[in-house]
């Protein structure tokens, strides 16, 4: 598909690492950490500054930290964005955050206790908290939220639900009332390509870490497959004409994998547009060839 090929040529990968690289235009010097240790990274750009957060590498971590950068190389840790017990849901398993600007406020979608929750802040660097301390949907286990807003303002929540494996689902999302429209819930697709489950780390079906963007009237769903501890953890994508699909997986999958990145466990990231207008995919890799 010619459109697909052109799109991929514009997508530049930035490896984190269960390591990363995200500062403010004000007076942030070109100093700071050049290597960060975390998983499931996400970057947003606001007023010319890169802000990065993700799943902490610390055992039992129950909070999310914020890093800032001007150059995607030097990162300064600024604050704790959200932590358990501070008007927030959850006591363990704080994973896969997403920052989303909605009007004059910011939302943080995140996983805790294997449930999706949403917290709010007036400013990106504020503490994120909930008015009602509860998960978004208690009907089943659901993780790895990604909120996508279409051109007409309709929002869709892409996420993972547990059902004899981890599968990607989508549903329309009422962002004003922060309510998932369960009647619109739909599974995106099943495991159909060999790279999505290898013998490097045998496990049930795992597809996770969704990110969706729209370009040229097409919807692109990026996702990771295999267990996160597998060296074959990797990224592929699928294309559709609607937010619900049907999805056509790329024949080029996996597009990010140890075979072309020369790093094991390359996956679970997010797309952002840098200050020079280029598309980037930020993701994590394993700490070493021996451990995730």
Protein backbone atom coordinates (compact mmCIF):
# COMPACT_ATOMS: atom_id res chain seq x y z
CA UNK A 1 0.00 0.00 0.00
CA UNK A 2 1.66 3.21 -1.20
CA UNK A 3 0.05 5.43 1.47
CA UNK A 4 1.20 3.05 4.18
CA UNK A 5 4.79 3.06 2.87
CA UNK A 6 4.95 6.86 2.77
CA UNK A 7 3.60 7.04 6.30
CA UNK A 8 6.17 4.60 7.63
CA UNK A 9 8.97 6.58 6.04
CA UNK A 10 7.92 9.58 8.15
CA UNK A 11 7.83 7.62 11.42
CA UNK A 12 11.11 7.93 13.31
CA UNK A 13 11.81 5.62 16.26
CA UNK A 14 13.27 6.93 19.51
CA UNK A 15 14.33 4.10 21.81
CA UNK A 16 14.00 4.60 25.50
CA UNK A 17 15.27 1.66 27.22
CA UNK A 18 13.33 0.23 29.95
CA UNK A 19 15.46 3.46 29.14
CA UNK A 20 14.28 6.68 27.69
CA UNK A 21 14.88 10.14 26.45
CA UNK A 22 11.57 14.01 27.22
CA UNK A 23 11.90 19.80 29.16
CA UNK A 24 10.48 23.30 29.28
CA UNK A 25 11.19 26.14 27.03
CA UNK A 26 11.74 28.44 29.89
CA UNK A 27 15.17 27.91 31.43
CA UNK A 28 15.91 24.25 31.00
CA UNK A 29 19.60 23.77 30.32
CA UNK A 30 20.96 21.04 28.06
CA UNK A 31 21.88 18.92 31.02
CA UNK A 32 20.20 16.11 32.88
CA UNK A 33 19.87 12.39 32.40
CA UNK A 34 20.49 11.05 28.92
CA UNK A 35 19.18 7.60 29.83
CA UNK A 36 15.99 6.88 31.74
CA UNK A 37 14.87 3.55 33.17
CA UNK A 38 11.15 2.96 32.80
CA UNK A 39 8.64 1.12 30.67
CA UNK A 40 5.57 2.10 28.62
CA UNK A 41 6.83 5.63 27.88
CA UNK A 42 4.69 8.43 26.51
CA UNK A 43 5.69 11.92 25.40
CA UNK A 44 3.56 15.01 24.92
CA UNK A 45 4.76 18.32 23.51
CA UNK A 46 3.41 21.48 25.13
CA UNK A 47 4.63 25.03 24.45
CA UNK A 48 7.70 23.64 22.71
CA UNK A 49 8.70 21.45 25.65
CA UNK A 50 8.80 17.64 25.71
CA UNK A 51 7.18 16.00 28.73
CA UNK A 52 7.71 12.31 29.38
CA UNK A 53 6.26 9.83 31.84
CA UNK A 54 5.83 6.07 32.02
CA UNK A 55 5.87 3.01 34.24
CA UNK A 56 8.53 3.27 36.93
CA UNK A 57 11.35 0.72 37.03
CA UNK A 58 11.26 0.65 40.83
CA UNK A 59 9.84 -2.53 42.34
CA UNK A 60 6.39 -1.90 43.77
CA UNK A 61 6.28 1.68 42.46
CA UNK A 62 2.87 3.25 42.88
CA UNK A 63 3.39 6.63 41.26
CA UNK A 64 4.28 8.34 37.99
CA UNK A 65 7.20 10.73 37.57
CA UNK A 66 7.48 13.59 35.06
CA UNK A 67 10.56 14.43 33.00
CA UNK A 68 11.10 17.46 30.76
CA UNK A 69 13.45 18.12 27.85
CA UNK A 70 14.14 20.61 25.10
CA UNK A 71 16.15 18.28 22.89
CA UNK A 72 14.94 14.69 23.46
CA UNK A 73 18.40 13.85 24.80
CA UNK A 74 18.77 15.48 28.22
CA UNK A 75 15.99 14.91 30.71
CA UNK A 76 15.27 16.64 34.00
CA UNK A 77 12.98 14.99 36.54
CA UNK A 78 10.57 17.63 37.79
CA UNK A 79 7.94 16.07 40.02
CA UNK A 80 5.66 13.20 40.88
CA UNK A 81 2.54 13.58 38.76
CA UNK A 82 0.37 11.07 40.57
CA UNK A 83 0.73 8.67 43.48
CA UNK A 84 -1.47 6.25 45.34
CA UNK A 85 -3.38 7.52 48.35
CA UNK A 86 -3.47 11.11 47.10
CA UNK A 87 -7.09 11.20 45.86
CA UNK A 88 -6.29 8.48 43.34
CA UNK A 89 -7.48 4.97 42.66
CA UNK A 90 -5.25 1.95 43.16
CA UNK A 91 -2.62 0.56 45.48
CA UNK A 92 -0.39 -1.49 43.13
CA UNK A 93 0.44 -2.03 39.46
CA UNK A 94 0.67 1.60 38.32
CA UNK A 95 1.31 1.14 34.60
CA UNK A 96 1.05 2.71 31.17
CA UNK A 97 -0.01 6.34 31.73
CA UNK A 98 -1.28 8.66 29.00
CA UNK A 99 -1.47 12.45 29.22
CA UNK A 100 -4.31 14.07 27.30
CA UNK A 101 -5.26 17.75 27.05
CA UNK A 102 -8.98 18.44 27.07
CA UNK A 103 -10.02 22.07 26.97
CA UNK A 104 -8.43 23.95 29.85
CA UNK A 105 -7.48 20.85 31.83
CA UNK A 106 -5.28 17.80 31.56
CA UNK A 107 -6.28 14.19 32.00
CA UNK A 108 -4.09 11.29 32.99
CA UNK A 109 -5.34 7.85 32.07
CA UNK A 110 -3.49 5.04 33.79
CA UNK A 111 -3.66 1.47 35.01
CA UNK A 112 -3.76 0.47 38.69
CA UNK A 113 -4.94 -2.80 40.26
CA UNK A 114 -5.44 -4.03 36.66
CA UNK A 115 -8.15 -1.39 36.12
CA UNK A 116 -8.15 1.84 34.12
CA UNK A 117 -8.53 5.09 36.04
CA UNK A 118 -8.59 8.77 35.11
CA UNK A 119 -7.22 11.70 37.12
CA UNK A 120 -7.24 15.43 36.35
CA UNK A 121 -5.04 18.50 36.77
CA UNK A 122 -5.37 22.12 35.70
CA UNK A 123 -1.77 22.27 34.51
CA UNK A 124 0.44 19.56 33.07
CA UNK A 125 2.95 19.88 35.90
CA UNK A 126 0.33 19.81 38.68
CA UNK A 127 -0.62 16.83 40.83
CA UNK A 128 -3.22 14.68 39.10
CA UNK A 129 -6.15 13.68 41.32
CA UNK A 130 -9.66 12.25 41.12
CA UNK A 131 -12.88 13.80 42.41
CA UNK A 132 -14.39 10.32 42.72
CA UNK A 133 -11.74 7.77 43.62
CA UNK A 134 -12.73 4.82 41.48
CA UNK A 135 -11.78 2.93 38.33
CA UNK A 136 -13.37 3.67 34.98
CA UNK A 137 -14.92 0.24 34.38
CA UNK A 138 -15.23 -2.49 36.99
CA UNK A 139 -16.90 -5.01 34.68
CA UNK A 140 -13.60 -6.81 34.09
CA UNK A 141 -9.85 -6.40 34.08
CA UNK A 142 -8.74 -3.66 31.68
CA UNK A 143 -5.34 -2.02 31.24
CA UNK A 144 -3.19 0.11 28.89
CA UNK A 145 -5.57 2.98 28.04
CA UNK A 146 -5.14 5.18 24.98
CA UNK A 147 -7.64 7.97 24.39
CA UNK A 148 -8.06 9.07 20.76
CA UNK A 149 -10.08 12.12 19.68
CA UNK A 150 -11.35 12.07 16.10
CA UNK A 151 -11.74 15.09 13.82
CA UNK A 152 -15.43 15.45 14.76
CA UNK A 153 -14.59 15.54 18.48
CA UNK A 154 -15.77 12.01 19.22
CA UNK A 155 -13.43 10.21 21.60
CA UNK A 156 -12.56 6.52 21.60
CA UNK A 157 -10.80 4.56 24.31
CA UNK A 158 -8.47 1.87 23.01
CA UNK A 159 -7.34 -0.50 25.74
CA UNK A 160 -6.61 -4.10 26.72
CA UNK A 161 -9.16 -6.47 28.23
CA UNK A 162 -8.42 -9.90 29.70
CA UNK A 163 -10.19 -12.86 28.08
CA UNK A 164 -8.00 -16.00 28.06
CA UNK A 165 -5.27 -13.67 26.95
CA UNK A 166 -4.80 -9.93 26.47
CA UNK A 167 -6.74 -8.44 23.55
CA UNK A 168 -7.17 -4.93 22.18
CA UNK A 169 -10.62 -3.38 22.45
CA UNK A 170 -12.17 -0.03 21.53
CA UNK A 171 -15.26 1.80 22.72
CA UNK A 172 -16.64 5.29 22.36
CA UNK A 173 -15.82 7.43 25.36
CA UNK A 174 -17.94 10.23 26.83
CA UNK A 175 -15.10 12.53 27.81
CA UNK A 176 -17.29 15.13 29.55
CA UNK A 177 -18.72 12.57 31.95
CA UNK A 178 -15.70 10.27 31.79
CA UNK A 179 -17.88 7.31 30.93
CA UNK A 180 -17.15 4.37 28.68
CA UNK A 181 -20.06 3.60 26.36
CA UNK A 182 -20.10 -0.14 26.99
CA UNK A 183 -22.70 -0.73 24.30
CA UNK A 184 -20.05 0.25 21.71
CA UNK A 185 -17.32 -2.09 23.01
CA UNK A 186 -15.66 -4.04 20.22
CA UNK A 187 -12.58 -6.24 19.98
CA UNK A 188 -10.12 -4.89 17.43
CA UNK A 189 -8.64 -8.14 16.11
CA UNK A 190 -7.22 -11.53 17.02
CA UNK A 191 -3.72 -12.93 16.86
CA UNK A 192 -3.14 -13.71 13.17
CA UNK A 193 0.54 -13.11 12.39
CA UNK A 194 3.46 -15.39 13.45
CA UNK A 195 5.51 -12.59 15.06
CA UNK A 196 2.69 -11.92 17.58
CA UNK A 197 3.47 -15.07 19.57
CA UNK A 198 6.88 -16.72 19.46
CA UNK A 199 8.51 -19.46 21.54
CA UNK A 200 11.11 -17.14 23.07
CA UNK A 201 8.82 -16.70 26.11
CA UNK A 202 5.75 -18.98 25.74
CA UNK A 203 2.58 -17.28 26.95
CA UNK A 204 -1.09 -16.93 26.09
CA UNK A 205 -2.09 -14.33 23.52
CA UNK A 206 -0.75 -10.90 24.45
CA UNK A 207 -1.52 -7.78 22.42
CA UNK A 208 -1.18 -4.50 24.30
CA UNK A 209 0.10 -0.92 24.37
CA UNK A 210 -2.26 0.57 21.75
CA UNK A 211 -1.63 3.95 20.12
CA UNK A 212 -3.88 5.36 17.40
CA UNK A 213 -3.34 8.25 15.01
CA UNK A 214 -5.21 9.43 11.94
CA UNK A 215 -3.41 10.43 8.77
CA UNK A 216 -4.71 10.86 5.25
CA UNK A 217 -8.19 9.77 6.32
CA UNK A 218 -6.87 6.43 7.59
CA UNK A 219 -6.64 5.20 11.18
CA UNK A 220 -3.35 3.62 12.24
CA UNK A 221 -3.34 1.38 15.31
CA UNK A 222 0.11 0.59 16.70
CA UNK A 223 0.40 -2.19 19.26
CA UNK A 224 2.86 -4.57 20.91
CA UNK A 225 2.69 -8.36 21.04
CA UNK A 226 4.33 -11.19 23.03
CA UNK A 227 5.00 -11.12 26.76
CA UNK A 228 6.89 -8.00 27.83
CA UNK A 229 9.68 -10.19 29.22
CA UNK A 230 10.19 -11.85 25.84
CA UNK A 231 13.10 -10.68 23.69
CA UNK A 232 10.58 -10.88 20.82
CA UNK A 233 8.32 -8.24 22.36
CA UNK A 234 7.78 -6.01 19.34
CA UNK A 235 5.59 -3.44 17.61
CA UNK A 236 3.29 -3.81 14.62
CA UNK A 237 0.42 -1.80 13.20
CA UNK A 238 -2.89 -2.12 11.42
CA UNK A 239 -4.86 0.28 9.22
CA UNK A 240 -8.61 0.94 9.00
CA UNK A 241 -11.11 3.34 7.47
CA UNK A 242 -13.05 3.77 10.73
CA UNK A 243 -12.06 3.90 14.43
CA UNK A 244 -13.65 0.46 14.87
CA UNK A 245 -12.01 -1.22 11.89
CA UNK A 246 -12.06 -3.61 10.20
CA UNK A 247 -8.29 -3.54 10.67
CA UNK A 248 -5.79 -4.64 8.04
CA UNK A 249 -2.48 -5.63 9.59
CA UNK A 250 0.62 -4.52 7.75
CA UNK A 251 2.62 -7.11 5.86
CA UNK A 252 5.71 -5.27 7.14
CA UNK A 253 5.01 -6.26 10.76
CA UNK A 254 6.79 -6.21 13.10
CA UNK A 255 8.16 -2.77 12.31
CA UNK A 256 10.08 -2.46 15.61
CA UNK A 257 11.76 -5.69 16.75
CA UNK A 258 15.12 -6.90 18.01
CA UNK A 259 15.94 -7.92 14.42
CA UNK A 260 15.99 -4.30 13.23
CA UNK A 261 16.57 -2.45 16.51
CA UNK A 262 19.38 -4.71 17.74
CA UNK A 263 17.81 -4.49 21.21
CA UNK A 264 15.60 -7.10 22.89
CA UNK A 265 12.07 -6.38 24.07
CA UNK A 266 11.46 -3.35 21.85
CA UNK A 267 7.91 -2.19 22.37
CA UNK A 268 4.98 -0.53 24.17
CA UNK A 269 5.38 3.11 23.31
CA UNK A 270 3.58 6.11 21.91
CA UNK A 271 3.65 8.48 18.95
CA UNK A 272 4.31 12.20 19.18
CA UNK A 273 5.21 15.02 16.79
CA UNK A 274 8.49 16.77 17.54
CA UNK A 275 9.04 20.51 17.31
CA UNK A 276 10.39 20.10 13.77
CA UNK A 277 7.18 18.43 12.65
CA UNK A 278 8.46 14.86 12.45
CA UNK A 279 6.57 11.82 13.73
CA UNK A 280 8.34 9.80 16.41
CA UNK A 281 7.58 6.58 18.25
CA UNK A 282 9.07 6.43 21.74
CA UNK A 283 9.32 2.94 23.27
CA UNK A 284 11.17 0.87 25.85
CA UNK A 285 13.71 -1.91 25.46
CA UNK A 286 15.03 -4.48 27.91
CA UNK A 287 17.60 -3.44 30.46
CA UNK A 288 19.98 -6.12 29.18
CA UNK A 289 20.01 -9.26 27.06
CA UNK A 290 19.53 -11.31 30.23
CA UNK A 291 16.73 -9.47 32.00
CA UNK A 292 13.66 -7.46 31.10
